[in-house]
Amino acid sequence: MQARAEFTVEPFVDGNPGPHVLAAVDAVRVSGLDPQIGPFATVVEGDAVHVTDALLAMLTAARRTGATRVSVQIDFHD
């Protein structure tokens, strides 16, 4: 099973990602996935287990570096 996840880390400042955003994206990257950073959200795709494990690392990194809110949407497909 595959998954596509989209996440937004707040507080959000357009064009000026804070350390909480950078840490979240780096955590996904370190997991071996290739996050696609968009203007309002970051998208990651891959094996569902790999994506969900990466999201746990992302949430932990974001929380530890000052995030006040993280929104996540996950679509699972074959």
N, C-alpha and C. Protein backbone atom coordinates (compact mmCIF):
# COMPACT_ATOMS: atom_id res chain seq x y z
N MET A 1 0.84 -1.18 0.00
CA MET A 1 0.00 0.00 0.00
C MET A 1 0.89 1.25 0.00
N GLN A 2 0.46 2.25 -0.73
CA GLN A 2 1.17 3.52 -0.84
C GLN A 2 0.41 4.60 -0.07
N ALA A 3 1.12 5.69 0.21
CA ALA A 3 0.49 6.81 0.91
C ALA A 3 1.05 8.12 0.37
N ARG A 4 0.19 9.11 0.40
CA ARG A 4 0.57 10.49 0.07
C ARG A 4 0.14 11.33 1.27
N ALA A 5 1.09 12.01 1.87
CA ALA A 5 0.79 12.84 3.04
C ALA A 5 1.13 14.28 2.74
N GLU A 6 0.30 15.16 3.25
CA GLU A 6 0.51 16.60 3.14
C GLU A 6 0.47 17.16 4.55
N PHE A 7 1.49 17.96 4.89
CA PHE A 7 1.49 18.52 6.24
C PHE A 7 1.88 19.99 6.24
N THR A 8 1.33 20.70 7.22
CA THR A 8 1.63 22.10 7.44
C THR A 8 2.02 22.27 8.90
N VAL A 9 3.14 22.94 9.13
CA VAL A 9 3.64 23.16 10.49
C VAL A 9 3.48 24.64 10.81
N GLU A 10 2.88 24.92 11.95
CA GLU A 10 2.64 26.32 12.35
C GLU A 10 3.38 26.65 13.64
N PRO A 11 3.70 27.90 13.89
CA PRO A 11 3.24 29.06 13.14
C PRO A 11 3.87 29.13 11.76
N PHE A 12 3.08 29.61 10.83
CA PHE A 12 3.46 29.67 9.43
C PHE A 12 3.72 31.11 9.01
N VAL A 13 4.87 31.36 8.42
CA VAL A 13 5.19 32.68 7.87
C VAL A 13 5.62 32.46 6.42
N ASP A 14 4.83 32.94 5.48
CA ASP A 14 5.10 32.74 4.06
C ASP A 14 6.49 33.25 3.70
N GLY A 15 7.29 32.39 3.10
CA GLY A 15 8.62 32.78 2.64
C GLY A 15 9.68 32.81 3.73
N ASN A 16 9.32 32.48 4.95
CA ASN A 16 10.28 32.52 6.06
C ASN A 16 10.01 31.36 7.03
N PRO A 17 10.34 30.12 6.59
CA PRO A 17 10.08 28.98 7.46
C PRO A 17 10.95 29.04 8.72
N GLY A 18 10.32 28.88 9.84
CA GLY A 18 11.05 28.90 11.11
C GLY A 18 11.75 27.58 11.37
N PRO A 19 12.49 27.50 12.48
CA PRO A 19 13.22 26.27 12.80
C PRO A 19 12.31 25.07 12.99
N HIS A 20 11.08 25.28 13.43
CA HIS A 20 10.13 24.19 13.61
C HIS A 20 9.73 23.58 12.26
N VAL A 21 9.61 24.42 11.23
CA VAL A 21 9.28 23.92 9.89
C VAL A 21 10.48 23.20 9.29
N LEU A 22 11.65 23.80 9.40
CA LEU A 22 12.85 23.20 8.84
C LEU A 22 13.16 21.86 9.51
N ALA A 23 12.98 21.78 10.82
CA ALA A 23 13.24 20.53 11.55
C ALA A 23 12.26 19.44 11.10
N ALA A 24 11.02 19.82 10.88
CA ALA A 24 10.01 18.85 10.44
C ALA A 24 10.36 18.30 9.06
N VAL A 25 10.70 19.17 8.14
CA VAL A 25 11.06 18.74 6.78
C VAL A 25 12.33 17.91 6.81
N ASP A 26 13.31 18.30 7.59
CA ASP A 26 14.56 17.54 7.71
C ASP A 26 14.32 16.15 8.27
N ALA A 27 13.41 16.02 9.22
CA ALA A 27 13.10 14.71 9.81
C ALA A 27 12.55 13.77 8.74
N VAL A 28 11.71 14.28 7.85
CA VAL A 28 11.17 13.47 6.77
C VAL A 28 12.29 13.10 5.80
N ARG A 29 13.13 14.05 5.49
CA ARG A 29 14.25 13.81 4.57
C ARG A 29 15.20 12.75 5.13
N VAL A 30 15.52 12.85 6.42
CA VAL A 30 16.43 11.89 7.07
C VAL A 30 15.84 10.48 7.03
N SER A 31 14.52 10.39 7.01
CA SER A 31 13.88 9.08 6.96
C SER A 31 14.05 8.40 5.61
N GLY A 32 14.59 9.15 4.64
CA GLY A 32 14.83 8.59 3.32
C GLY A 32 13.80 8.97 2.27
N LEU A 33 12.84 9.79 2.65
CA LEU A 33 11.84 10.24 1.69
C LEU A 33 12.22 11.61 1.15
N ASP A 34 11.58 12.01 0.05
CA ASP A 34 11.91 13.27 -0.62
C ASP A 34 10.72 14.24 -0.48
N PRO A 35 10.70 15.05 0.58
CA PRO A 35 9.58 15.97 0.76
C PRO A 35 9.58 17.06 -0.31
N GLN A 36 8.39 17.34 -0.82
CA GLN A 36 8.21 18.40 -1.81
C GLN A 36 7.59 19.59 -1.08
N ILE A 37 8.38 20.64 -0.93
CA ILE A 37 7.94 21.80 -0.16
C ILE A 37 7.18 22.76 -1.07
N GLY A 38 5.92 23.02 -0.71
CA GLY A 38 5.08 23.94 -1.47
C GLY A 38 4.89 25.23 -0.71
N PRO A 39 4.12 26.14 -1.26
CA PRO A 39 3.94 27.44 -0.61
C PRO A 39 3.16 27.38 0.70
N PHE A 40 2.31 26.35 0.86
CA PHE A 40 1.50 26.27 2.07
C PHE A 40 1.61 24.93 2.79
N ALA A 41 2.16 23.93 2.12
CA ALA A 41 2.26 22.61 2.73
C ALA A 41 3.42 21.84 2.10
N THR A 42 3.80 20.78 2.78
CA THR A 42 4.84 19.88 2.28
C THR A 42 4.19 18.54 1.99
N VAL A 43 4.57 17.93 0.87
CA VAL A 43 3.99 16.65 0.46
C VAL A 43 5.09 15.60 0.41
N VAL A 44 4.73 14.40 0.87
CA VAL A 44 5.65 13.27 0.81
C VAL A 44 4.85 12.05 0.36
N GLU A 45 5.48 11.21 -0.46
CA GLU A 45 4.81 10.01 -0.97
C GLU A 45 5.74 8.82 -0.86
N GLY A 46 5.13 7.64 -0.70
CA GLY A 46 5.91 6.41 -0.64
C GLY A 46 5.11 5.29 -0.03
N ASP A 47 5.83 4.23 0.34
CA ASP A 47 5.22 3.10 1.02
C ASP A 47 4.51 3.60 2.28
N ALA A 48 3.30 3.12 2.53
CA ALA A 48 2.48 3.63 3.63
C ALA A 48 3.17 3.52 4.99
N VAL A 49 3.82 2.42 5.26
CA VAL A 49 4.51 2.26 6.54
C VAL A 49 5.66 3.25 6.65
N HIS A 50 6.41 3.41 5.59
CA HIS A 50 7.53 4.35 5.58
C HIS A 50 7.04 5.78 5.78
N VAL A 51 5.97 6.15 5.11
CA VAL A 51 5.42 7.51 5.23
C VAL A 51 4.92 7.75 6.65
N THR A 52 4.19 6.82 7.22
CA THR A 52 3.66 7.04 8.57
C THR A 52 4.78 7.08 9.61
N ASP A 53 5.82 6.27 9.43
CA ASP A 53 6.97 6.36 10.34
C ASP A 53 7.66 7.71 10.21
N ALA A 54 7.79 8.21 8.98
CA ALA A 54 8.41 9.52 8.76
C ALA A 54 7.57 10.63 9.38
N LEU A 55 6.25 10.48 9.34
CA LEU A 55 5.38 11.49 9.94
C LEU A 55 5.53 11.53 11.45
N LEU A 56 5.73 10.39 12.07
CA LEU A 56 5.96 10.38 13.51
C LEU A 56 7.25 11.14 13.83
N ALA A 57 8.30 10.91 13.06
CA ALA A 57 9.55 11.64 13.27
C ALA A 57 9.35 13.14 13.02
N MET A 58 8.55 13.47 12.01
CA MET A 58 8.26 14.87 11.70
C MET A 58 7.53 15.55 12.84
N LEU A 59 6.52 14.88 13.38
CA LEU A 59 5.75 15.45 14.49
C LEU A 59 6.62 15.68 15.72
N THR A 60 7.48 14.73 16.01
CA THR A 60 8.37 14.85 17.15
C THR A 60 9.33 16.02 16.98
N ALA A 61 9.93 16.13 15.78
CA ALA A 61 10.87 17.22 15.51
C ALA A 61 10.17 18.57 15.57
N ALA A 62 8.98 18.66 14.99
CA ALA A 62 8.25 19.92 14.99
C ALA A 62 7.90 20.36 16.41
N ARG A 63 7.42 19.43 17.21
CA ARG A 63 7.04 19.76 18.59
C ARG A 63 8.24 20.21 19.41
N ARG A 64 9.35 19.54 19.23
CA ARG A 64 10.55 19.87 20.00
C ARG A 64 11.18 21.20 19.63
N THR A 65 10.83 21.73 18.46
CA THR A 65 11.46 22.97 18.01
C THR A 65 10.50 24.16 17.94
N GLY A 66 9.33 24.02 18.57
CA GLY A 66 8.47 25.19 18.72
C GLY A 66 7.19 25.23 17.93
N ALA A 67 6.84 24.15 17.25
CA ALA A 67 5.57 24.17 16.52
C ALA A 67 4.41 24.31 17.49
N THR A 68 3.41 25.08 17.09
CA THR A 68 2.21 25.23 17.91
C THR A 68 1.05 24.40 17.35
N ARG A 69 1.18 23.98 16.10
CA ARG A 69 0.15 23.17 15.46
C ARG A 69 0.73 22.49 14.23
N VAL A 70 0.31 21.25 14.00
CA VAL A 70 0.69 20.54 12.78
C VAL A 70 -0.59 19.93 12.21
N SER A 71 -0.85 20.24 10.95
CA SER A 71 -1.99 19.66 10.25
C SER A 71 -1.47 18.62 9.27
N VAL A 72 -2.11 17.45 9.28
CA VAL A 72 -1.67 16.34 8.41
C VAL A 72 -2.88 15.75 7.71
N GLN A 73 -2.71 15.48 6.45
CA GLN A 73 -3.72 14.76 5.68
C GLN A 73 -3.02 13.61 4.97
N ILE A 74 -3.56 12.41 5.09
CA ILE A 74 -2.94 11.23 4.47
C ILE A 74 -3.96 10.53 3.59
N ASP A 75 -3.55 10.24 2.36
CA ASP A 75 -4.35 9.45 1.44
C ASP A 75 -3.63 8.13 1.21
N PHE A 76 -4.33 7.02 1.43
CA PHE A 76 -3.77 5.69 1.19
C PHE A 76 -4.35 5.15 -0.10
N HIS A 77 -3.51 4.46 -0.86
CA HIS A 77 -3.97 3.87 -2.13
C HIS A 77 -3.10 2.68 -2.49
N ASP A 78 -3.59 1.87 -3.41
CA ASP A 78 -2.83 0.70 -3.86
C ASP A 78 -1.78 1.08 -4.87
